[in-house]
Amino acid sequence: MKSIKLKAGNEIPLLGFGTWRLKGKEATESVKKALDTGYRHIDTADAYENHRDIADALKESSVNREELFITSKIWRDRLSYDNIKNDAERFLNELEIGYLDLLLIHWPNKNSNFKESLKALKEVQESGIARAIGVSNFTINHLKDALEYEPELISLNQVEFHPTLYQKELLDFCRENNIALTAYSPLGRGEVFKNKVIQELADKYGKTPAQLSLRWLVEKDIAAIPKASSSPHIKENYDIFGWEMPDEAVEKIDQLNNNNRIIDPGFGEFDY
């Protein structure tokens, strides 16, 4: 499994397992299958309401905690100083772990006191509750604000990123500031399976559209967190290593961007 080192010093595996919309027994069983397959990076969030379900999977797994990279996120209306400190502790209790590898602000909120939020997150990191701090769904302008207040705090930005939403300007800015990227919805909510170019490349090289799309991200040192619940799909998404990504495939997928943003919660934050 390929990993990259974060600004905070710990390493994040570039292929992770997303758990959005997985709850209850389905969440537990899916995470167990992922761990059995070889995934060691698990992504969740308070808003997913599945911390305890993931805890059940971790307890039933033989994988040591030290081998895992676990990310969770604080919701946008919980960004006060006290809420962040309390929620971070609660996440550990719900997940039944001693620390988070990465704690993110789930969405920006222009009505919050961002400076106070970052202060709380810095203290969460310093206390060892979270080894690294990051954000999610932040634009370049949001990141500039964070860098102004806390230049060394933000290790990662998790955003929608896939072949038809190739956010190169954001990627370049993050690289310039030593901020890693994680791609959620890396398969474009199924859009890659309908894309003629990706399908033709998959047929030509004996891979699936999912495998080519995920490997395209990993080749750029972008972590990808596809969600799956069936064993075949979990394994298919995992099988993106041990072979060379054809240059032709990289070049053609690079040209597919059409600013196809699928996730828009209506907060208006992308306008900033």
C-alpha atoms as a PDB file:
ATOM      1  CA  MET A   1       0.000   0.000   0.000  1.00  0.00           C
ATOM      2  CA  LYS A   2       1.447   3.343  -1.037  1.00  0.00           C
ATOM      3  CA  SER A   3       1.410   6.092   1.597  1.00  0.00           C
ATOM      4  CA  ILE A   4       2.457   9.730   1.796  1.00  0.00           C
ATOM      5  CA  LYS A   5       3.761  11.659   4.783  1.00  0.00           C
ATOM      6  CA  LEU A   6       1.561  14.424   6.142  1.00  0.00           C
ATOM      7  CA  LYS A   7       2.765  17.781   7.419  1.00  0.00           C
ATOM      8  CA  ALA A   8       2.038  16.544  10.951  1.00  0.00           C
ATOM      9  CA  GLY A   9       4.533  13.706  10.473  1.00  0.00           C
ATOM     10  CA  ASN A  10       2.277  10.650  10.248  1.00  0.00           C
ATOM     11  CA  GLU A  11       1.632   8.733   7.030  1.00  0.00           C
ATOM     12  CA  ILE A  12      -1.719   8.317   5.268  1.00  0.00           C
ATOM     13  CA  PRO A  13      -2.360   5.307   3.001  1.00  0.00           C
ATOM     14  CA  LEU A  14      -3.363   6.567  -0.442  1.00  0.00           C
ATOM     15  CA  LEU A  15      -6.244   4.132  -0.725  1.00  0.00           C
ATOM     16  CA  GLY A  16      -8.867   4.284   1.972  1.00  0.00           C
ATOM     17  CA  PHE A  17     -12.329   2.926   2.623  1.00  0.00           C
ATOM     18  CA  GLY A  18     -15.180   5.441   2.636  1.00  0.00           C
ATOM     19  CA  THR A  19     -18.190   4.814   4.890  1.00  0.00           C
ATOM     20  CA  TRP A  20     -20.666   7.545   3.901  1.00  0.00           C
ATOM     21  CA  ARG A  21     -24.231   6.163   3.926  1.00  0.00           C
ATOM     22  CA  LEU A  22     -23.101   2.944   5.600  1.00  0.00           C
ATOM     23  CA  LYS A  23     -24.888   2.369   8.899  1.00  0.00           C
ATOM     24  CA  GLY A  24     -25.672  -0.413  11.317  1.00  0.00           C
ATOM     25  CA  LYS A  25     -24.802  -3.988  10.436  1.00  0.00           C
ATOM     26  CA  GLU A  26     -24.017  -3.017   6.828  1.00  0.00           C
ATOM     27  CA  ALA A  27     -21.378  -0.568   8.019  1.00  0.00           C
ATOM     28  CA  THR A  28     -19.835  -3.093  10.418  1.00  0.00           C
ATOM     29  CA  GLU A  29     -19.738  -5.898   7.860  1.00  0.00           C
ATOM     30  CA  SER A  30     -18.414  -3.638   5.087  1.00  0.00           C
ATOM     31  CA  VAL A  31     -15.560  -2.336   7.241  1.00  0.00           C
ATOM     32  CA  LYS A  32     -14.711  -5.892   8.313  1.00  0.00           C
ATOM     33  CA  LYS A  33     -14.568  -6.963   4.652  1.00  0.00           C
ATOM     34  CA  ALA A  34     -12.383  -3.963   3.836  1.00  0.00           C
ATOM     35  CA  LEU A  35      -9.962  -4.769   6.657  1.00  0.00           C
ATOM     36  CA  ASP A  36      -9.837  -8.423   5.592  1.00  0.00           C
ATOM     37  CA  THR A  37      -9.086  -7.312   2.024  1.00  0.00           C
ATOM     38  CA  GLY A  38      -6.150  -5.201   3.178  1.00  0.00           C
ATOM     39  CA  TYR A  39      -7.490  -1.668   3.649  1.00  0.00           C
ATOM     40  CA  ARG A  40      -5.901   0.126   6.592  1.00  0.00           C
ATOM     41  CA  HIS A  41      -7.327   3.620   6.047  1.00  0.00           C
ATOM     42  CA  ILE A  42     -10.935   4.076   7.240  1.00  0.00           C
ATOM     43  CA  ASP A  43     -12.806   7.344   6.677  1.00  0.00           C
ATOM     44  CA  THR A  44     -15.871   8.342   8.676  1.00  0.00           C
ATOM     45  CA  ALA A  45     -17.577  11.446  10.105  1.00  0.00           C
ATOM     46  CA  ASP A  46     -19.879  12.420  12.929  1.00  0.00           C
ATOM     47  CA  ALA A  47     -22.568  13.191  10.354  1.00  0.00           C
ATOM     48  CA  TYR A  48     -22.437   9.597   9.055  1.00  0.00           C
ATOM     49  CA  GLU A  49     -23.696   8.328  12.429  1.00  0.00           C
ATOM     50  CA  ASN A  50     -21.665   5.144  12.152  1.00  0.00           C
ATOM     51  CA  HIS A  51     -18.828   5.556  14.660  1.00  0.00           C
ATOM     52  CA  ARG A  52     -20.173   2.791  16.908  1.00  0.00           C
ATOM     53  CA  ASP A  53     -20.756   0.487  13.934  1.00  0.00           C
ATOM     54  CA  ILE A  54     -17.135   0.968  12.885  1.00  0.00           C
ATOM     55  CA  ALA A  55     -16.034   0.333  16.463  1.00  0.00           C
ATOM     56  CA  ASP A  56     -17.758  -3.062  16.279  1.00  0.00           C
ATOM     57  CA  ALA A  57     -15.821  -3.889  13.110  1.00  0.00           C
ATOM     58  CA  LEU A  58     -12.515  -2.828  14.671  1.00  0.00           C
ATOM     59  CA  LYS A  59     -13.168  -4.975  17.759  1.00  0.00           C
ATOM     60  CA  GLU A  60     -13.902  -8.029  15.610  1.00  0.00           C
ATOM     61  CA  SER A  61     -10.825  -7.516  13.439  1.00  0.00           C
ATOM     62  CA  SER A  62      -7.378  -8.920  14.177  1.00  0.00           C
ATOM     63  CA  VAL A  63      -5.715  -5.792  12.735  1.00  0.00           C
ATOM     64  CA  ASN A  64      -3.753  -3.833  15.329  1.00  0.00           C
ATOM     65  CA  ARG A  65      -4.760  -0.216  15.945  1.00  0.00           C
ATOM     66  CA  GLU A  66      -1.215   0.916  15.109  1.00  0.00           C
ATOM     67  CA  GLU A  67      -1.659  -0.411  11.567  1.00  0.00           C
ATOM     68  CA  LEU A  68      -4.774   1.685  10.963  1.00  0.00           C
ATOM     69  CA  PHE A  69      -5.330   5.247   9.807  1.00  0.00           C
ATOM     70  CA  ILE A  70      -8.715   6.504  11.010  1.00  0.00           C
ATOM     71  CA  THR A  71     -10.222   9.833   9.938  1.00  0.00           C
ATOM     72  CA  SER A  72     -13.335  11.517  11.274  1.00  0.00           C
ATOM     73  CA  LYS A  73     -14.913  14.927  10.794  1.00  0.00           C
ATOM     74  CA  ILE A  74     -16.648  17.601  12.857  1.00  0.00           C
ATOM     75  CA  TRP A  75     -19.869  18.977  11.397  1.00  0.00           C
ATOM     76  CA  ARG A  76     -20.073  22.616  10.332  1.00  0.00           C
ATOM     77  CA  ASP A  77     -22.496  23.694  13.079  1.00  0.00           C
ATOM     78  CA  ARG A  78     -20.203  22.244  15.788  1.00  0.00           C
ATOM     79  CA  LEU A  79     -17.210  24.534  15.212  1.00  0.00           C
ATOM     80  CA  SER A  80     -17.216  26.496  18.465  1.00  0.00           C
ATOM     81  CA  TYR A  81     -14.170  26.044  20.693  1.00  0.00           C
ATOM     82  CA  ASP A  82     -16.059  23.985  23.305  1.00  0.00           C
ATOM     83  CA  ASN A  83     -17.910  21.843  20.782  1.00  0.00           C
ATOM     84  CA  ILE A  84     -14.706  20.892  18.989  1.00  0.00           C
ATOM     85  CA  LYS A  85     -12.977  19.891  22.234  1.00  0.00           C
ATOM     86  CA  ASN A  86     -15.999  17.904  23.431  1.00  0.00           C
ATOM     87  CA  ASP A  87     -16.724  16.271  20.080  1.00  0.00           C
ATOM     88  CA  ALA A  88     -13.141  15.131  19.607  1.00  0.00           C
ATOM     89  CA  GLU A  89     -13.307  13.292  22.942  1.00  0.00           C
ATOM     90  CA  ARG A  90     -16.718  11.864  22.074  1.00  0.00           C
ATOM     91  CA  PHE A  91     -15.447  10.515  18.757  1.00  0.00           C
ATOM     92  CA  LEU A  92     -12.773   8.508  20.589  1.00  0.00           C
ATOM     93  CA  ASN A  93     -15.399   7.076  22.947  1.00  0.00           C
ATOM     94  CA  GLU A  94     -17.741   6.149  20.107  1.00  0.00           C
ATOM     95  CA  LEU A  95     -14.997   4.600  17.983  1.00  0.00           C
ATOM     96  CA  GLU A  96     -13.431   2.997  21.088  1.00  0.00           C
ATOM     97  CA  ILE A  97      -9.925   4.076  20.113  1.00  0.00           C
ATOM     98  CA  GLY A  98      -7.219   6.027  21.896  1.00  0.00           C
ATOM     99  CA  TYR A  99      -6.567   8.579  19.172  1.00  0.00           C
ATOM    100  CA  LEU A 100      -7.611   9.701  15.688  1.00  0.00           C
ATOM    101  CA  ASP A 101      -5.023   9.765  12.947  1.00  0.00           C
ATOM    102  CA  LEU A 102      -6.776  12.722  11.306  1.00  0.00           C
ATOM    103  CA  LEU A 103      -9.564  15.057  12.420  1.00  0.00           C
ATOM    104  CA  LEU A 104     -11.216  17.326   9.849  1.00  0.00           C
ATOM    105  CA  ILE A 105     -13.635  20.231   9.744  1.00  0.00           C
ATOM    106  CA  HIS A 106     -16.319  18.658   7.552  1.00  0.00           C
ATOM    107  CA  TRP A 107     -17.491  21.837   5.799  1.00  0.00           C
ATOM    108  CA  PRO A 108     -16.512  25.489   6.150  1.00  0.00           C
ATOM    109  CA  ASN A 109     -18.978  27.773   7.902  1.00  0.00           C
ATOM    110  CA  LYS A 110     -18.637  31.502   7.317  1.00  0.00           C
ATOM    111  CA  ASN A 111     -20.751  32.170  10.419  1.00  0.00           C
ATOM    112  CA  SER A 112     -18.322  30.415  12.759  1.00  0.00           C
ATOM    113  CA  ASN A 113     -15.327  31.945  14.530  1.00  0.00           C
ATOM    114  CA  PHE A 114     -12.703  30.257  12.384  1.00  0.00           C
ATOM    115  CA  LYS A 115      -9.774  31.457  14.458  1.00  0.00           C
ATOM    116  CA  GLU A 116     -11.294  29.923  17.603  1.00  0.00           C
ATOM    117  CA  SER A 117     -12.016  26.707  15.714  1.00  0.00           C
ATOM    118  CA  LEU A 118      -8.387  26.399  14.665  1.00  0.00           C
ATOM    119  CA  LYS A 119      -7.232  27.156  18.202  1.00  0.00           C
ATOM    120  CA  ALA A 120      -9.351  24.288  19.528  1.00  0.00           C
ATOM    121  CA  LEU A 121      -8.135  21.928  16.822  1.00  0.00           C
ATOM    122  CA  LYS A 122      -4.514  22.814  17.552  1.00  0.00           C
ATOM    123  CA  GLU A 123      -5.089  21.933  21.192  1.00  0.00           C
ATOM    124  CA  VAL A 124      -6.757  18.672  20.161  1.00  0.00           C
ATOM    125  CA  GLN A 125      -3.631  17.812  18.192  1.00  0.00           C
ATOM    126  CA  GLU A 126      -1.258  18.875  20.957  1.00  0.00           C
ATOM    127  CA  SER A 127      -3.162  16.707  23.456  1.00  0.00           C
ATOM    128  CA  GLY A 128      -2.743  13.629  21.252  1.00  0.00           C
ATOM    129  CA  ILE A 129      -6.447  13.137  20.595  1.00  0.00           C
ATOM    130  CA  ALA A 130      -5.767  13.624  16.876  1.00  0.00           C
ATOM    131  CA  ARG A 131      -2.344  13.157  15.332  1.00  0.00           C
ATOM    132  CA  ALA A 132      -3.108  15.414  12.390  1.00  0.00           C
ATOM    133  CA  ILE A 133      -5.653  18.158  11.670  1.00  0.00           C
ATOM    134  CA  GLY A 134      -7.266  18.965   8.346  1.00  0.00           C
ATOM    135  CA  VAL A 135     -10.310  20.337   6.597  1.00  0.00           C
ATOM    136  CA  SER A 136     -12.825  19.181   4.028  1.00  0.00           C
ATOM    137  CA  ASN A 137     -14.546  20.996   1.168  1.00  0.00           C
ATOM    138  CA  PHE A 138     -12.267  24.026   1.533  1.00  0.00           C
ATOM    139  CA  THR A 139     -11.619  26.278  -1.445  1.00  0.00           C
ATOM    140  CA  ILE A 140      -8.300  28.041  -2.000  1.00  0.00           C
ATOM    141  CA  ASN A 141      -9.644  31.142  -0.250  1.00  0.00           C
ATOM    142  CA  HIS A 142     -10.713  29.097   2.784  1.00  0.00           C
ATOM    143  CA  LEU A 143      -7.247  27.540   2.912  1.00  0.00           C
ATOM    144  CA  LYS A 144      -5.601  30.959   2.698  1.00  0.00           C
ATOM    145  CA  ASP A 145      -7.558  32.013   5.793  1.00  0.00           C
ATOM    146  CA  ALA A 146      -6.425  28.892   7.646  1.00  0.00           C
ATOM    147  CA  LEU A 147      -2.798  29.421   6.645  1.00  0.00           C
ATOM    148  CA  GLU A 148      -2.949  33.015   7.827  1.00  0.00           C
ATOM    149  CA  TYR A 149      -4.151  32.000  11.302  1.00  0.00           C
ATOM    150  CA  GLU A 150      -2.234  28.705  11.714  1.00  0.00           C
ATOM    151  CA  PRO A 151       0.430  28.220   8.995  1.00  0.00           C
ATOM    152  CA  GLU A 152       1.502  24.734  10.140  1.00  0.00           C
ATOM    153  CA  LEU A 153      -1.772  23.203  11.371  1.00  0.00           C
ATOM    154  CA  ILE A 154      -3.631  22.013   8.268  1.00  0.00           C
ATOM    155  CA  SER A 155      -2.202  18.751   6.943  1.00  0.00           C
ATOM    156  CA  LEU A 156      -4.935  17.762   4.481  1.00  0.00           C
ATOM    157  CA  ASN A 157      -7.980  18.946   2.535  1.00  0.00           C
ATOM    158  CA  GLN A 158     -10.623  16.350   1.642  1.00  0.00           C
ATOM    159  CA  VAL A 159     -12.654  17.363  -1.410  1.00  0.00           C
ATOM    160  CA  GLU A 160     -14.718  15.981  -4.261  1.00  0.00           C
ATOM    161  CA  PHE A 161     -12.181  14.987  -6.890  1.00  0.00           C
ATOM    162  CA  HIS A 162     -12.585  12.613  -9.840  1.00  0.00           C
ATOM    163  CA  PRO A 163     -11.819  12.529 -13.587  1.00  0.00           C
ATOM    164  CA  THR A 164     -14.638  14.928 -14.489  1.00  0.00           C
ATOM    165  CA  LEU A 165     -13.851  17.258 -11.560  1.00  0.00           C
ATOM    166  CA  TYR A 166     -10.082  17.563 -11.875  1.00  0.00           C
ATOM    167  CA  GLN A 167      -9.449  20.476  -9.498  1.00  0.00           C
ATOM    168  CA  LYS A 168      -5.903  21.124 -10.689  1.00  0.00           C
ATOM    169  CA  GLU A 169      -5.653  24.694  -9.395  1.00  0.00           C
ATOM    170  CA  LEU A 170      -6.663  23.532  -5.914  1.00  0.00           C
ATOM    171  CA  LEU A 171      -4.277  20.575  -6.141  1.00  0.00           C
ATOM    172  CA  ASP A 172      -1.387  22.842  -7.124  1.00  0.00           C
ATOM    173  CA  PHE A 173      -2.137  25.272  -4.288  1.00  0.00           C
ATOM    174  CA  CYS A 174      -2.221  22.437  -1.769  1.00  0.00           C
ATOM    175  CA  ARG A 175       1.071  21.052  -3.042  1.00  0.00           C
ATOM    176  CA  GLU A 176       2.702  24.475  -2.763  1.00  0.00           C
ATOM    177  CA  ASN A 177       1.625  24.648   0.882  1.00  0.00           C
ATOM    178  CA  ASN A 178       2.367  21.041   1.866  1.00  0.00           C
ATOM    179  CA  ILE A 179      -1.315  20.197   2.252  1.00  0.00           C
ATOM    180  CA  ALA A 180      -2.259  16.697   1.111  1.00  0.00           C
ATOM    181  CA  LEU A 181      -5.508  15.974  -0.742  1.00  0.00           C
ATOM    182  CA  THR A 182      -8.042  13.219  -0.227  1.00  0.00           C
ATOM    183  CA  ALA A 183     -10.590  12.608  -2.984  1.00  0.00           C
ATOM    184  CA  TYR A 184     -14.106  11.710  -1.913  1.00  0.00           C
ATOM    185  CA  SER A 185     -16.585  10.451  -4.502  1.00  0.00           C
ATOM    186  CA  PRO A 186     -13.475   9.415  -6.491  1.00  0.00           C
ATOM    187  CA  LEU A 187     -15.627   7.509  -8.964  1.00  0.00           C
ATOM    188  CA  GLY A 188     -17.942  10.469  -9.504  1.00  0.00           C
ATOM    189  CA  ARG A 189     -20.900   8.610  -7.966  1.00  0.00           C
ATOM    190  CA  GLY A 190     -20.683   6.126 -10.826  1.00  0.00           C
ATOM    191  CA  GLU A 191     -19.999   8.662 -13.582  1.00  0.00           C
ATOM    192  CA  VAL A 192     -16.709   6.957 -14.501  1.00  0.00           C
ATOM    193  CA  PHE A 193     -18.591   3.801 -15.493  1.00  0.00           C
ATOM    194  CA  LYS A 194     -20.572   5.782 -18.067  1.00  0.00           C
ATOM    195  CA  ASN A 195     -17.601   7.666 -19.473  1.00  0.00           C
ATOM    196  CA  LYS A 196     -16.764   6.414 -22.967  1.00  0.00           C
ATOM    197  CA  VAL A 197     -13.071   7.348 -22.801  1.00  0.00           C
ATOM    198  CA  ILE A 198     -12.519   5.591 -19.475  1.00  0.00           C
ATOM    199  CA  GLN A 199     -14.482   2.542 -20.622  1.00  0.00           C
ATOM    200  CA  GLU A 200     -12.401   2.268 -23.810  1.00  0.00           C
ATOM    201  CA  LEU A 201      -9.170   2.575 -21.813  1.00  0.00           C
ATOM    202  CA  ALA A 202     -10.386  -0.035 -19.327  1.00  0.00           C
ATOM    203  CA  ASP A 203     -11.184  -2.464 -22.140  1.00  0.00           C
ATOM    204  CA  LYS A 204      -7.838  -1.801 -23.814  1.00  0.00           C
ATOM    205  CA  TYR A 205      -5.729  -2.380 -20.709  1.00  0.00           C
ATOM    206  CA  GLY A 206      -7.744  -5.102 -19.021  1.00  0.00           C
ATOM    207  CA  LYS A 207      -8.732  -3.012 -16.003  1.00  0.00           C
ATOM    208  CA  THR A 208     -12.057  -1.697 -14.763  1.00  0.00           C
ATOM    209  CA  PRO A 209     -13.108   1.968 -14.984  1.00  0.00           C
ATOM    210  CA  ALA A 210     -12.935   2.115 -11.178  1.00  0.00           C
ATOM    211  CA  GLN A 211      -9.387   0.765 -11.080  1.00  0.00           C
ATOM    212  CA  LEU A 212      -8.129   3.204 -13.715  1.00  0.00           C
ATOM    213  CA  SER A 213      -9.845   6.159 -12.034  1.00  0.00           C
ATOM    214  CA  LEU A 214      -8.524   5.315  -8.572  1.00  0.00           C
ATOM    215  CA  ARG A 215      -5.014   4.642  -9.854  1.00  0.00           C
ATOM    216  CA  TRP A 216      -5.129   7.977 -11.724  1.00  0.00           C
ATOM    217  CA  LEU A 217      -5.649   9.695  -8.367  1.00  0.00           C
ATOM    218  CA  VAL A 218      -3.025   7.687  -6.482  1.00  0.00           C
ATOM    219  CA  GLU A 219      -0.467   8.413  -9.229  1.00  0.00           C
ATOM    220  CA  LYS A 220      -0.910  12.093  -8.310  1.00  0.00           C
ATOM    221  CA  ASP A 221      -0.365  11.309  -4.597  1.00  0.00           C
ATOM    222  CA  ILE A 222      -4.044  11.994  -3.910  1.00  0.00           C
ATOM    223  CA  ALA A 223      -5.644   9.679  -1.354  1.00  0.00           C
ATOM    224  CA  ALA A 224      -8.896   8.112  -2.589  1.00  0.00           C
ATOM    225  CA  ILE A 225     -11.691   6.827  -0.345  1.00  0.00           C
ATOM    226  CA  PRO A 226     -14.187   4.885  -2.479  1.00  0.00           C
ATOM    227  CA  LYS A 227     -17.202   3.442  -0.702  1.00  0.00           C
ATOM    228  CA  ALA A 228     -18.378  -0.112  -1.394  1.00  0.00           C
ATOM    229  CA  SER A 229     -20.376  -2.721   0.488  1.00  0.00           C
ATOM    230  CA  SER A 230     -20.072  -5.887  -1.601  1.00  0.00           C
ATOM    231  CA  SER A 231     -16.938  -8.030  -1.395  1.00  0.00           C
ATOM    232  CA  PRO A 232     -16.296  -7.974  -5.192  1.00  0.00           C
ATOM    233  CA  HIS A 233     -16.407  -4.167  -5.343  1.00  0.00           C
ATOM    234  CA  ILE A 234     -14.298  -3.785  -2.197  1.00  0.00           C
ATOM    235  CA  LYS A 235     -11.658  -6.085  -3.732  1.00  0.00           C
ATOM    236  CA  GLU A 236     -11.890  -4.487  -7.189  1.00  0.00           C
ATOM    237  CA  ASN A 237     -11.212  -1.042  -5.739  1.00  0.00           C
ATOM    238  CA  TYR A 238      -8.285  -2.418  -3.743  1.00  0.00           C
ATOM    239  CA  ASP A 239      -6.569  -4.021  -6.738  1.00  0.00           C
ATOM    240  CA  ILE A 240      -4.946  -0.858  -8.085  1.00  0.00           C
ATOM    241  CA  PHE A 241      -1.345  -1.665  -7.211  1.00  0.00           C
ATOM    242  CA  GLY A 242       1.236  -4.012  -8.682  1.00  0.00           C
ATOM    243  CA  TRP A 243       0.777  -2.824 -12.284  1.00  0.00           C
ATOM    244  CA  GLU A 244       1.867   0.165 -14.315  1.00  0.00           C
ATOM    245  CA  MET A 245      -0.621   2.923 -15.105  1.00  0.00           C
ATOM    246  CA  PRO A 246      -0.305   3.457 -18.886  1.00  0.00           C
ATOM    247  CA  ASP A 247       0.853   6.956 -19.842  1.00  0.00           C
ATOM    248  CA  GLU A 248      -1.903   7.092 -22.455  1.00  0.00           C
ATOM    249  CA  ALA A 249      -4.523   6.483 -19.775  1.00  0.00           C
ATOM    250  CA  VAL A 250      -3.127   9.239 -17.542  1.00  0.00           C
ATOM    251  CA  GLU A 251      -2.994  11.722 -20.411  1.00  0.00           C
ATOM    252  CA  LYS A 252      -6.521  10.966 -21.628  1.00  0.00           C
ATOM    253  CA  ILE A 253      -8.089  11.010 -18.166  1.00  0.00           C
ATOM    254  CA  ASP A 254      -6.325  14.315 -17.466  1.00  0.00           C
ATOM    255  CA  GLN A 255      -8.384  15.819 -20.299  1.00  0.00           C
ATOM    256  CA  LEU A 256     -11.813  14.742 -19.018  1.00  0.00           C
ATOM    257  CA  ASN A 257     -12.442  17.599 -16.592  1.00  0.00           C
ATOM    258  CA  ASN A 258     -15.716  19.441 -17.233  1.00  0.00           C
ATOM    259  CA  ASN A 259     -16.143  20.897 -13.711  1.00  0.00           C
ATOM    260  CA  ASN A 260     -18.728  18.228 -12.987  1.00  0.00           C
ATOM    261  CA  ARG A 261     -19.350  18.982  -9.314  1.00  0.00           C
ATOM    262  CA  ILE A 262     -21.809  16.426  -8.027  1.00  0.00           C
ATOM    263  CA  ILE A 263     -21.891  17.357  -4.339  1.00  0.00           C
ATOM    264  CA  ASP A 264     -23.407  20.746  -3.588  1.00  0.00           C
ATOM    265  CA  PRO A 265     -25.083  20.905  -0.166  1.00  0.00           C
ATOM    266  CA  GLY A 266     -26.420  24.410  -0.777  1.00  0.00           C
ATOM    267  CA  PHE A 267     -24.309  26.158   1.858  1.00  0.00           C
ATOM    268  CA  GLY A 268     -22.953  28.578  -0.738  1.00  0.00           C
ATOM    269  CA  GLU A 269     -19.406  28.005   0.505  1.00  0.00           C
ATOM    270  CA  PHE A 270     -18.056  27.235  -2.975  1.00  0.00           C
ATOM    271  CA  ASP A 271     -18.757  30.862  -3.917  1.00  0.00           C
ATOM    272  CA  TYR A 272     -15.876  31.966  -1.699  1.00  0.00           C
END
